[in-house]
Amino acid sequence: MKIGKRMNLKVGSASIHYSEYDHAAVESRSFTILQADGRKVTWQAGSLARPFRDLQMNSLESFNDVGAEIVKVRGNKDLNPAAIERICKEKIEQLTENLLPKIKTVTQNMQTLTETVQRGFSSVSPRNSTDVVGFLADQELRGLVRGMSSDDRRAFVFAARQGGHPEIVEAILRANPLLSGLSSESAGSLERAGIAASRAEDVAALRHMLAIYDDVMATTSQTCMALCGLVDNSGGYKLRFEKWRLGCDGSELLREWLNKLPSRTPAEKPEATKLKLEEKGEQAAETEGVDADAA
């Protein structure tokens, strides 16, 4: 997904810069997500980005058209300054009314995108309710971790964050982390590491979508603020438009979620953290461990 070159648009003394995007590539993006019943389905997430294109195009067209109208009004010698200001402000109001519904749609789609990603990007599939052997295997692996010493458990968590011991990590994440002797914070870090490792391309695509959202909202804000620069006493409008570039609840939640994911490095298991888990197996059934974080 590539970001195109920066472009410039000018009307009168007002000027804005914006970026060209391969919107078609963004809008065709799909993700495989995990549903609550454990089924994996294909989700056409890119469709949620289509309003981004509409908002950007509408903002640029409005800048060109409304800007030309404002320039024409300002050049009308038959109007006094008060009339010019009133008419120009009316055009700013019309511009705002035109853009607000599109901004609302973009905001709603960002919320939907974030909520679906947070639910569906789990790195672990739940066991089938009839998979008795799988349940017993998970219990054994959790007991193995629970029976480790505090130092070994910390070493295990470190190695698991680097991509090691995937079967054990899955067993941990399928149940309450306390059953493995881990805190919820430690289990959360393993979950995030798993997402970063298994969905590197999807995570990169989400970062691009968020970057496009940010840029489109910034362009929309700058478009309106630039037009306000052509209108006298329009400071109140500028404050409103400045808020548009601050993002919405959905975009900030997605940004926070992405920022918590670790950066991925080549998956190698350092010898210093490679655990001799087979030697721990015999001890797991006899030893009850305590939470490493509480120790």
C-alpha atoms as a PDB file:
ATOM      1  CA  MET A   1       0.000   0.000   0.000  1.00  0.00           C
ATOM      2  CA  LYS A   2       1.776   3.122  -1.213  1.00  0.00           C
ATOM      3  CA  ILE A   3       1.252   6.770  -0.411  1.00  0.00           C
ATOM      4  CA  GLY A   4       1.462   8.974  -3.480  1.00  0.00           C
ATOM      5  CA  LYS A   5       3.137  12.302  -3.897  1.00  0.00           C
ATOM      6  CA  ARG A   6       2.092  15.453  -2.122  1.00  0.00           C
ATOM      7  CA  MET A   7      -0.066  17.782  -4.194  1.00  0.00           C
ATOM      8  CA  ASN A   8      -0.928  21.457  -3.874  1.00  0.00           C
ATOM      9  CA  LEU A   9      -4.225  23.212  -4.481  1.00  0.00           C
ATOM     10  CA  LYS A  10      -4.618  26.984  -4.467  1.00  0.00           C
ATOM     11  CA  VAL A  11      -7.561  29.379  -4.610  1.00  0.00           C
ATOM     12  CA  GLY A  12      -6.874  33.081  -4.333  1.00  0.00           C
ATOM     13  CA  SER A  13      -4.389  33.506  -1.500  1.00  0.00           C
ATOM     14  CA  ALA A  14      -5.464  30.229   0.163  1.00  0.00           C
ATOM     15  CA  SER A  15      -3.359  27.124  -0.381  1.00  0.00           C
ATOM     16  CA  ILE A  16      -3.434  23.539   0.919  1.00  0.00           C
ATOM     17  CA  HIS A  17      -1.315  20.410   0.510  1.00  0.00           C
ATOM     18  CA  TYR A  18      -2.728  16.895   0.345  1.00  0.00           C
ATOM     19  CA  SER A  19      -1.534  13.365  -0.418  1.00  0.00           C
ATOM     20  CA  GLU A  20      -2.636  11.061  -3.188  1.00  0.00           C
ATOM     21  CA  TYR A  21      -3.364   7.466  -2.167  1.00  0.00           C
ATOM     22  CA  ASP A  22      -4.001   4.169  -3.865  1.00  0.00           C
ATOM     23  CA  HIS A  23      -7.497   4.098  -2.419  1.00  0.00           C
ATOM     24  CA  ALA A  24      -8.492   1.056  -4.487  1.00  0.00           C
ATOM     25  CA  ALA A  25      -5.794  -1.050  -2.811  1.00  0.00           C
ATOM     26  CA  VAL A  26      -6.911   0.098   0.628  1.00  0.00           C
ATOM     27  CA  GLU A  27     -10.584  -0.528  -0.066  1.00  0.00           C
ATOM     28  CA  SER A  28      -9.971  -4.070  -1.353  1.00  0.00           C
ATOM     29  CA  ARG A  29      -8.127  -5.143   1.825  1.00  0.00           C
ATOM     30  CA  SER A  30      -9.582  -8.099   3.687  1.00  0.00           C
ATOM     31  CA  PHE A  31      -8.658  -9.768   6.974  1.00  0.00           C
ATOM     32  CA  THR A  32      -9.303 -13.201   8.409  1.00  0.00           C
ATOM     33  CA  ILE A  33     -10.945 -12.753  11.788  1.00  0.00           C
ATOM     34  CA  LEU A  34     -11.908 -15.136  14.550  1.00  0.00           C
ATOM     35  CA  GLN A  35     -15.561 -15.211  15.560  1.00  0.00           C
ATOM     36  CA  ALA A  36     -16.844 -15.929  19.052  1.00  0.00           C
ATOM     37  CA  ASP A  37     -17.722 -19.522  18.104  1.00  0.00           C
ATOM     38  CA  GLY A  38     -14.144 -20.162  16.946  1.00  0.00           C
ATOM     39  CA  ARG A  39     -14.865 -19.993  13.218  1.00  0.00           C
ATOM     40  CA  LYS A  40     -12.502 -18.031  10.997  1.00  0.00           C
ATOM     41  CA  VAL A  41     -14.162 -15.827   8.384  1.00  0.00           C
ATOM     42  CA  THR A  42     -12.971 -13.373   5.758  1.00  0.00           C
ATOM     43  CA  TRP A  43     -13.855  -9.778   6.581  1.00  0.00           C
ATOM     44  CA  GLN A  44     -13.790  -7.113   3.873  1.00  0.00           C
ATOM     45  CA  ALA A  45     -12.388  -4.420   6.149  1.00  0.00           C
ATOM     46  CA  GLY A  46     -11.348  -2.166   3.278  1.00  0.00           C
ATOM     47  CA  SER A  47     -14.967  -1.246   2.595  1.00  0.00           C
ATOM     48  CA  LEU A  48     -14.876   0.779   5.804  1.00  0.00           C
ATOM     49  CA  ALA A  49     -12.206   2.996   4.218  1.00  0.00           C
ATOM     50  CA  ARG A  50     -14.300   4.008   1.212  1.00  0.00           C
ATOM     51  CA  PRO A  51     -15.711   7.072   3.005  1.00  0.00           C
ATOM     52  CA  PHE A  52     -12.097   8.245   3.470  1.00  0.00           C
ATOM     53  CA  ARG A  53     -11.839   8.751  -0.281  1.00  0.00           C
ATOM     54  CA  ASP A  54     -15.267  10.441  -0.425  1.00  0.00           C
ATOM     55  CA  LEU A  55     -14.370  12.842   2.370  1.00  0.00           C
ATOM     56  CA  GLN A  56     -11.026  13.760   0.826  1.00  0.00           C
ATOM     57  CA  MET A  57     -12.510  14.337  -2.631  1.00  0.00           C
ATOM     58  CA  ASN A  58     -15.401  16.350  -1.218  1.00  0.00           C
ATOM     59  CA  SER A  59     -13.061  18.477   0.885  1.00  0.00           C
ATOM     60  CA  LEU A  60     -10.844  19.276  -2.097  1.00  0.00           C
ATOM     61  CA  GLU A  61     -13.785  20.001  -4.387  1.00  0.00           C
ATOM     62  CA  SER A  62     -15.343  22.227  -1.727  1.00  0.00           C
ATOM     63  CA  PHE A  63     -12.068  24.078  -1.255  1.00  0.00           C
ATOM     64  CA  ASN A  64     -11.919  24.780  -4.974  1.00  0.00           C
ATOM     65  CA  ASP A  65     -15.603  25.668  -5.458  1.00  0.00           C
ATOM     66  CA  VAL A  66     -16.355  27.507  -2.211  1.00  0.00           C
ATOM     67  CA  GLY A  67     -12.986  29.223  -2.376  1.00  0.00           C
ATOM     68  CA  ALA A  68     -13.766  30.548  -5.858  1.00  0.00           C
ATOM     69  CA  GLU A  69     -17.156  31.805  -4.640  1.00  0.00           C
ATOM     70  CA  ILE A  70     -15.577  33.586  -1.666  1.00  0.00           C
ATOM     71  CA  VAL A  71     -12.966  35.208  -3.901  1.00  0.00           C
ATOM     72  CA  LYS A  72     -15.753  36.374  -6.217  1.00  0.00           C
ATOM     73  CA  VAL A  73     -17.770  37.840  -3.325  1.00  0.00           C
ATOM     74  CA  ARG A  74     -14.730  39.628  -1.935  1.00  0.00           C
ATOM     75  CA  GLY A  75     -14.137  41.194  -5.331  1.00  0.00           C
ATOM     76  CA  ASN A  76     -17.709  42.465  -5.665  1.00  0.00           C
ATOM     77  CA  LYS A  77     -17.458  46.261  -5.510  1.00  0.00           C
ATOM     78  CA  ASP A  78     -21.219  46.602  -4.984  1.00  0.00           C
ATOM     79  CA  LEU A  79     -21.024  45.007  -1.517  1.00  0.00           C
ATOM     80  CA  ASN A  80     -19.885  46.750   1.634  1.00  0.00           C
ATOM     81  CA  PRO A  81     -17.450  45.014   4.054  1.00  0.00           C
ATOM     82  CA  ALA A  82     -20.243  43.876   6.403  1.00  0.00           C
ATOM     83  CA  ALA A  83     -22.186  42.247   3.568  1.00  0.00           C
ATOM     84  CA  ILE A  84     -19.052  40.565   2.239  1.00  0.00           C
ATOM     85  CA  GLU A  85     -18.273  39.127   5.673  1.00  0.00           C
ATOM     86  CA  ARG A  86     -21.853  37.902   6.170  1.00  0.00           C
ATOM     87  CA  ILE A  87     -22.096  36.203   2.765  1.00  0.00           C
ATOM     88  CA  CYS A  88     -18.671  34.584   3.112  1.00  0.00           C
ATOM     89  CA  LYS A  89     -19.524  33.236   6.555  1.00  0.00           C
ATOM     90  CA  GLU A  90     -22.733  31.776   5.160  1.00  0.00           C
ATOM     91  CA  LYS A  91     -20.648  29.884   2.623  1.00  0.00           C
ATOM     92  CA  ILE A  92     -18.411  28.562   5.408  1.00  0.00           C
ATOM     93  CA  GLU A  93     -21.550  27.381   7.233  1.00  0.00           C
ATOM     94  CA  GLN A  94     -22.785  25.630   4.091  1.00  0.00           C
ATOM     95  CA  LEU A  95     -19.396  23.971   3.711  1.00  0.00           C
ATOM     96  CA  THR A  96     -19.551  22.726   7.300  1.00  0.00           C
ATOM     97  CA  GLU A  97     -23.059  21.318   6.862  1.00  0.00           C
ATOM     98  CA  ASN A  98     -21.906  19.491   3.747  1.00  0.00           C
ATOM     99  CA  LEU A  99     -18.852  17.904   5.377  1.00  0.00           C
ATOM    100  CA  LEU A 100     -20.268  16.936   8.787  1.00  0.00           C
ATOM    101  CA  PRO A 101     -22.335  13.911   7.604  1.00  0.00           C
ATOM    102  CA  LYS A 102     -19.297  12.523   5.780  1.00  0.00           C
ATOM    103  CA  ILE A 103     -17.096  13.050   8.828  1.00  0.00           C
ATOM    104  CA  LYS A 104     -19.699  11.250  10.949  1.00  0.00           C
ATOM    105  CA  THR A 105     -19.627   8.248   8.591  1.00  0.00           C
ATOM    106  CA  VAL A 106     -15.825   8.119   8.693  1.00  0.00           C
ATOM    107  CA  THR A 107     -15.919   8.319  12.497  1.00  0.00           C
ATOM    108  CA  GLN A 108     -18.458   5.488  12.776  1.00  0.00           C
ATOM    109  CA  ASN A 109     -16.414   3.310  10.428  1.00  0.00           C
ATOM    110  CA  MET A 110     -13.254   3.852  12.447  1.00  0.00           C
ATOM    111  CA  GLN A 111     -15.123   2.719  15.556  1.00  0.00           C
ATOM    112  CA  THR A 112     -16.376  -0.401  13.745  1.00  0.00           C
ATOM    113  CA  LEU A 113     -12.892  -1.145  12.404  1.00  0.00           C
ATOM    114  CA  THR A 114     -11.321  -0.884  15.848  1.00  0.00           C
ATOM    115  CA  GLU A 115     -13.955  -2.951  17.654  1.00  0.00           C
ATOM    116  CA  THR A 116     -13.841  -5.726  15.039  1.00  0.00           C
ATOM    117  CA  VAL A 117     -10.037  -5.866  15.040  1.00  0.00           C
ATOM    118  CA  GLN A 118      -9.860  -6.057  18.821  1.00  0.00           C
ATOM    119  CA  ARG A 119     -12.389  -8.914  18.866  1.00  0.00           C
ATOM    120  CA  GLY A 120     -11.263 -10.798  15.785  1.00  0.00           C
ATOM    121  CA  PHE A 121      -7.468 -10.585  15.804  1.00  0.00           C
ATOM    122  CA  SER A 122      -6.970 -13.138  18.562  1.00  0.00           C
ATOM    123  CA  SER A 123      -3.796 -15.151  18.044  1.00  0.00           C
ATOM    124  CA  VAL A 124      -5.386 -18.279  19.534  1.00  0.00           C
ATOM    125  CA  SER A 125      -8.327 -20.378  18.352  1.00  0.00           C
ATOM    126  CA  PRO A 126     -10.539 -21.882  21.060  1.00  0.00           C
ATOM    127  CA  ARG A 127     -10.722 -25.660  21.399  1.00  0.00           C
ATOM    128  CA  ASN A 128     -13.706 -27.484  19.998  1.00  0.00           C
ATOM    129  CA  SER A 129     -15.993 -28.480  22.873  1.00  0.00           C
ATOM    130  CA  THR A 130     -15.539 -32.157  21.942  1.00  0.00           C
ATOM    131  CA  ASP A 131     -11.731 -32.004  21.825  1.00  0.00           C
ATOM    132  CA  VAL A 132     -11.118 -33.767  25.147  1.00  0.00           C
ATOM    133  CA  VAL A 133      -7.553 -34.715  24.237  1.00  0.00           C
ATOM    134  CA  GLY A 134      -6.791 -31.101  23.382  1.00  0.00           C
ATOM    135  CA  PHE A 135      -8.225 -29.853  26.678  1.00  0.00           C
ATOM    136  CA  LEU A 136      -6.125 -32.349  28.634  1.00  0.00           C
ATOM    137  CA  ALA A 137      -2.995 -31.388  26.679  1.00  0.00           C
ATOM    138  CA  ASP A 138      -3.614 -27.716  27.462  1.00  0.00           C
ATOM    139  CA  GLN A 139      -4.015 -28.500  31.159  1.00  0.00           C
ATOM    140  CA  GLU A 140      -0.725 -30.392  31.157  1.00  0.00           C
ATOM    141  CA  LEU A 141       1.125 -27.534  29.460  1.00  0.00           C
ATOM    142  CA  ARG A 142      -0.335 -24.958  31.848  1.00  0.00           C
ATOM    143  CA  GLY A 143       0.703 -27.140  34.776  1.00  0.00           C
ATOM    144  CA  LEU A 144       4.191 -27.287  33.313  1.00  0.00           C
ATOM    145  CA  VAL A 145       4.488 -23.503  33.385  1.00  0.00           C
ATOM    146  CA  ARG A 146       2.844 -23.257  36.786  1.00  0.00           C
ATOM    147  CA  GLY A 147       5.426 -25.665  38.198  1.00  0.00           C
ATOM    148  CA  MET A 148       8.407 -23.606  37.071  1.00  0.00           C
ATOM    149  CA  SER A 149      10.535 -21.575  39.424  1.00  0.00           C
ATOM    150  CA  SER A 150      10.083 -17.813  39.282  1.00  0.00           C
ATOM    151  CA  ASP A 151      13.307 -17.380  37.317  1.00  0.00           C
ATOM    152  CA  ASP A 152      12.420 -20.086  34.810  1.00  0.00           C
ATOM    153  CA  ARG A 153       8.944 -18.658  34.360  1.00  0.00           C
ATOM    154  CA  ARG A 154      10.341 -15.214  33.658  1.00  0.00           C
ATOM    155  CA  ALA A 155      12.761 -16.746  31.150  1.00  0.00           C
ATOM    156  CA  PHE A 156       9.876 -18.619  29.543  1.00  0.00           C
ATOM    157  CA  VAL A 157       7.809 -15.433  29.163  1.00  0.00           C
ATOM    158  CA  PHE A 158      10.800 -13.648  27.621  1.00  0.00           C
ATOM    159  CA  ALA A 159      11.370 -16.468  25.123  1.00  0.00           C
ATOM    160  CA  ALA A 160       7.650 -16.695  24.337  1.00  0.00           C
ATOM    161  CA  ARG A 161       7.532 -12.986  23.529  1.00  0.00           C
ATOM    162  CA  GLN A 162      10.209 -13.646  20.906  1.00  0.00           C
ATOM    163  CA  GLY A 163       8.039 -16.307  19.278  1.00  0.00           C
ATOM    164  CA  GLY A 164       9.176 -19.377  21.213  1.00  0.00           C
ATOM    165  CA  HIS A 165       7.013 -22.218  22.603  1.00  0.00           C
ATOM    166  CA  PRO A 166       3.867 -21.434  20.536  1.00  0.00           C
ATOM    167  CA  GLU A 167       1.925 -24.528  21.710  1.00  0.00           C
ATOM    168  CA  ILE A 168       2.453 -23.655  25.365  1.00  0.00           C
ATOM    169  CA  VAL A 169       1.494 -20.024  24.764  1.00  0.00           C
ATOM    170  CA  GLU A 170      -1.750 -21.111  23.095  1.00  0.00           C
ATOM    171  CA  ALA A 171      -2.579 -23.334  26.064  1.00  0.00           C
ATOM    172  CA  ILE A 172      -1.968 -20.423  28.447  1.00  0.00           C
ATOM    173  CA  LEU A 173      -4.161 -18.027  26.469  1.00  0.00           C
ATOM    174  CA  ARG A 174      -7.070 -20.469  26.274  1.00  0.00           C
ATOM    175  CA  ALA A 175      -7.654 -20.192  30.025  1.00  0.00           C
ATOM    176  CA  ASN A 176      -7.301 -17.870  32.985  1.00  0.00           C
ATOM    177  CA  PRO A 177      -3.587 -16.954  33.181  1.00  0.00           C
ATOM    178  CA  LEU A 178      -3.589 -17.715  36.920  1.00  0.00           C
ATOM    179  CA  LEU A 179      -3.903 -21.396  36.001  1.00  0.00           C
ATOM    180  CA  SER A 180      -0.436 -21.071  34.472  1.00  0.00           C
ATOM    181  CA  GLY A 181       0.990 -19.078  37.365  1.00  0.00           C
ATOM    182  CA  LEU A 182       1.047 -15.884  35.295  1.00  0.00           C
ATOM    183  CA  SER A 183      -0.445 -12.468  35.827  1.00  0.00           C
ATOM    184  CA  SER A 184      -2.983 -11.003  33.409  1.00  0.00           C
ATOM    185  CA  GLU A 185      -0.329  -8.471  32.359  1.00  0.00           C
ATOM    186  CA  SER A 186       2.102 -11.233  31.386  1.00  0.00           C
ATOM    187  CA  ALA A 187      -0.592 -13.120  29.492  1.00  0.00           C
ATOM    188  CA  GLY A 188      -1.587  -9.913  27.716  1.00  0.00           C
ATOM    189  CA  SER A 189       1.978  -9.364  26.563  1.00  0.00           C
ATOM    190  CA  LEU A 190       2.053 -12.916  25.165  1.00  0.00           C
ATOM    191  CA  GLU A 191      -1.213 -12.308  23.330  1.00  0.00           C
ATOM    192  CA  ARG A 192       0.113  -9.087  21.781  1.00  0.00           C
ATOM    193  CA  ALA A 193       3.365 -10.782  20.782  1.00  0.00           C
ATOM    194  CA  GLY A 194       1.373 -13.546  19.107  1.00  0.00           C
ATOM    195  CA  ILE A 195      -0.712 -11.051  17.135  1.00  0.00           C
ATOM    196  CA  ALA A 196       2.387  -9.145  16.034  1.00  0.00           C
ATOM    197  CA  ALA A 197       4.054 -12.376  14.888  1.00  0.00           C
ATOM    198  CA  SER A 198       1.118 -14.050  13.154  1.00  0.00           C
ATOM    199  CA  ARG A 199      -0.452 -10.944  11.634  1.00  0.00           C
ATOM    200  CA  ALA A 200       2.504  -8.789  10.642  1.00  0.00           C
ATOM    201  CA  GLU A 201       1.031  -7.919   7.226  1.00  0.00           C
ATOM    202  CA  ASP A 202      -2.423  -7.230   8.668  1.00  0.00           C
ATOM    203  CA  VAL A 203      -0.970  -4.986  11.364  1.00  0.00           C
ATOM    204  CA  ALA A 204       0.998  -3.071   8.720  1.00  0.00           C
ATOM    205  CA  ALA A 205      -2.208  -2.648   6.688  1.00  0.00           C
ATOM    206  CA  LEU A 206      -4.040  -1.306   9.737  1.00  0.00           C
ATOM    207  CA  ARG A 207      -1.255   1.197  10.360  1.00  0.00           C
ATOM    208  CA  HIS A 208      -1.601   2.394   6.761  1.00  0.00           C
ATOM    209  CA  MET A 209      -5.369   2.731   7.106  1.00  0.00           C
ATOM    210  CA  LEU A 210      -4.938   4.742  10.285  1.00  0.00           C
ATOM    211  CA  ALA A 211      -2.319   6.955   8.611  1.00  0.00           C
ATOM    212  CA  ILE A 212      -4.692   7.620   5.710  1.00  0.00           C
ATOM    213  CA  TYR A 213      -7.500   8.462   8.142  1.00  0.00           C
ATOM    214  CA  ASP A 214      -5.217  10.894   9.976  1.00  0.00           C
ATOM    215  CA  ASP A 215      -4.127  12.551   6.746  1.00  0.00           C
ATOM    216  CA  VAL A 216      -7.637  12.822   5.308  1.00  0.00           C
ATOM    217  CA  MET A 217      -8.927  14.406   8.521  1.00  0.00           C
ATOM    218  CA  ALA A 218      -5.953  16.793   8.545  1.00  0.00           C
ATOM    219  CA  THR A 219      -6.653  17.710   4.916  1.00  0.00           C
ATOM    220  CA  THR A 220     -10.330  18.325   5.690  1.00  0.00           C
ATOM    221  CA  SER A 221      -9.398  20.526   8.632  1.00  0.00           C
ATOM    222  CA  GLN A 222      -6.771  22.452   6.660  1.00  0.00           C
ATOM    223  CA  THR A 223      -9.182  22.941   3.768  1.00  0.00           C
ATOM    224  CA  CYS A 224     -11.726  24.695   5.949  1.00  0.00           C
ATOM    225  CA  MET A 225      -9.154  26.664   7.904  1.00  0.00           C
ATOM    226  CA  ALA A 226      -7.547  27.894   4.680  1.00  0.00           C
ATOM    227  CA  LEU A 227     -10.924  29.142   3.457  1.00  0.00           C
ATOM    228  CA  CYS A 228     -11.467  30.870   6.792  1.00  0.00           C
ATOM    229  CA  GLY A 229      -8.277  32.761   6.060  1.00  0.00           C
ATOM    230  CA  LEU A 230     -10.161  34.464   3.234  1.00  0.00           C
ATOM    231  CA  VAL A 231     -12.972  35.581   5.554  1.00  0.00           C
ATOM    232  CA  ASP A 232     -12.750  38.370   8.122  1.00  0.00           C
ATOM    233  CA  ASN A 233     -13.480  37.609  11.792  1.00  0.00           C
ATOM    234  CA  SER A 234     -13.686  33.834  11.261  1.00  0.00           C
ATOM    235  CA  GLY A 235     -11.590  32.752  14.249  1.00  0.00           C
ATOM    236  CA  GLY A 236     -14.510  30.882  15.815  1.00  0.00           C
ATOM    237  CA  TYR A 237     -14.782  28.613  12.797  1.00  0.00           C
ATOM    238  CA  LYS A 238     -11.055  27.862  12.880  1.00  0.00           C
ATOM    239  CA  LEU A 239     -11.308  26.482  16.417  1.00  0.00           C
ATOM    240  CA  ARG A 240     -14.041  24.090  15.309  1.00  0.00           C
ATOM    241  CA  PHE A 241     -12.108  22.907  12.268  1.00  0.00           C
ATOM    242  CA  GLU A 242      -8.904  22.454  14.264  1.00  0.00           C
ATOM    243  CA  LYS A 243     -10.687  19.852  16.423  1.00  0.00           C
ATOM    244  CA  TRP A 244     -11.414  17.705  13.371  1.00  0.00           C
ATOM    245  CA  ARG A 245      -7.763  16.753  13.035  1.00  0.00           C
ATOM    246  CA  LEU A 246      -7.556  15.484  16.626  1.00  0.00           C
ATOM    247  CA  GLY A 247      -9.123  12.153  15.693  1.00  0.00           C
ATOM    248  CA  CYS A 248     -12.106  10.281  17.119  1.00  0.00           C
ATOM    249  CA  ASP A 249     -12.609   7.638  19.799  1.00  0.00           C
ATOM    250  CA  GLY A 250     -12.224   4.830  17.276  1.00  0.00           C
ATOM    251  CA  SER A 251      -8.985   6.133  15.780  1.00  0.00           C
ATOM    252  CA  GLU A 252      -7.420   6.756  19.183  1.00  0.00           C
ATOM    253  CA  LEU A 253      -8.389   3.294  20.448  1.00  0.00           C
ATOM    254  CA  LEU A 254      -6.905   1.714  17.327  1.00  0.00           C
ATOM    255  CA  ARG A 255      -3.744   3.793  17.703  1.00  0.00           C
ATOM    256  CA  GLU A 256      -3.398   2.724  21.341  1.00  0.00           C
ATOM    257  CA  TRP A 257      -3.959  -0.939  20.424  1.00  0.00           C
ATOM    258  CA  LEU A 258      -1.365  -0.819  17.636  1.00  0.00           C
ATOM    259  CA  ASN A 259       1.182   1.002  19.779  1.00  0.00           C
ATOM    260  CA  LYS A 260       1.032  -1.777  22.380  1.00  0.00           C
ATOM    261  CA  LEU A 261       2.034  -4.414  19.827  1.00  0.00           C
ATOM    262  CA  PRO A 262       5.756  -5.227  19.919  1.00  0.00           C
ATOM    263  CA  SER A 263       7.987  -4.665  16.922  1.00  0.00           C
ATOM    264  CA  ARG A 264       8.840  -7.944  15.282  1.00  0.00           C
ATOM    265  CA  THR A 265      12.400  -9.182  14.878  1.00  0.00           C
ATOM    266  CA  PRO A 266      13.619 -12.377  13.160  1.00  0.00           C
ATOM    267  CA  ALA A 267      12.219 -15.274  15.183  1.00  0.00           C
ATOM    268  CA  GLU A 268      15.222 -16.871  16.847  1.00  0.00           C
ATOM    269  CA  LYS A 269      15.318 -18.526  20.227  1.00  0.00           C
ATOM    270  CA  PRO A 270      18.377 -17.281  22.127  1.00  0.00           C
ATOM    271  CA  GLU A 271      20.240 -20.132  23.813  1.00  0.00           C
ATOM    272  CA  ALA A 272      20.270 -18.134  27.042  1.00  0.00           C
ATOM    273  CA  THR A 273      16.478 -18.287  27.222  1.00  0.00           C
ATOM    274  CA  LYS A 274      15.891 -21.717  25.711  1.00  0.00           C
ATOM    275  CA  LEU A 275      14.273 -23.715  28.477  1.00  0.00           C
ATOM    276  CA  LYS A 276      14.672 -27.392  29.186  1.00  0.00           C
ATOM    277  CA  LEU A 277      10.948 -27.886  29.431  1.00  0.00           C
ATOM    278  CA  GLU A 278      11.165 -31.633  29.096  1.00  0.00           C
ATOM    279  CA  GLU A 279      13.050 -31.750  32.409  1.00  0.00           C
ATOM    280  CA  LYS A 280      10.253 -29.771  34.036  1.00  0.00           C
ATOM    281  CA  GLY A 281       7.555 -32.158  32.898  1.00  0.00           C
ATOM    282  CA  GLU A 282       8.045 -34.675  35.667  1.00  0.00           C
ATOM    283  CA  GLN A 283       7.988 -31.939  38.309  1.00  0.00           C
ATOM    284  CA  ALA A 284       4.865 -30.194  36.990  1.00  0.00           C
ATOM    285  CA  ALA A 285       2.398 -32.702  38.419  1.00  0.00           C
ATOM    286  CA  GLU A 286       3.934 -32.505  41.894  1.00  0.00           C
ATOM    287  CA  THR A 287       4.865 -28.850  42.286  1.00  0.00           C
ATOM    288  CA  GLU A 288       2.443 -25.978  42.709  1.00  0.00           C
ATOM    289  CA  GLY A 289       4.043 -22.738  41.517  1.00  0.00           C
ATOM    290  CA  VAL A 290       3.168 -19.261  42.558  1.00  0.00           C
ATOM    291  CA  ASP A 291       2.636 -16.268  40.342  1.00  0.00           C
ATOM    292  CA  ALA A 292       6.008 -14.978  39.217  1.00  0.00           C
ATOM    293  CA  ASP A 293       4.753 -11.421  39.370  1.00  0.00           C
ATOM    294  CA  ALA A 294       3.599 -11.827  42.939  1.00  0.00           C
ATOM    295  CA  ALA A 295       6.805 -13.611  43.997  1.00  0.00           C
END
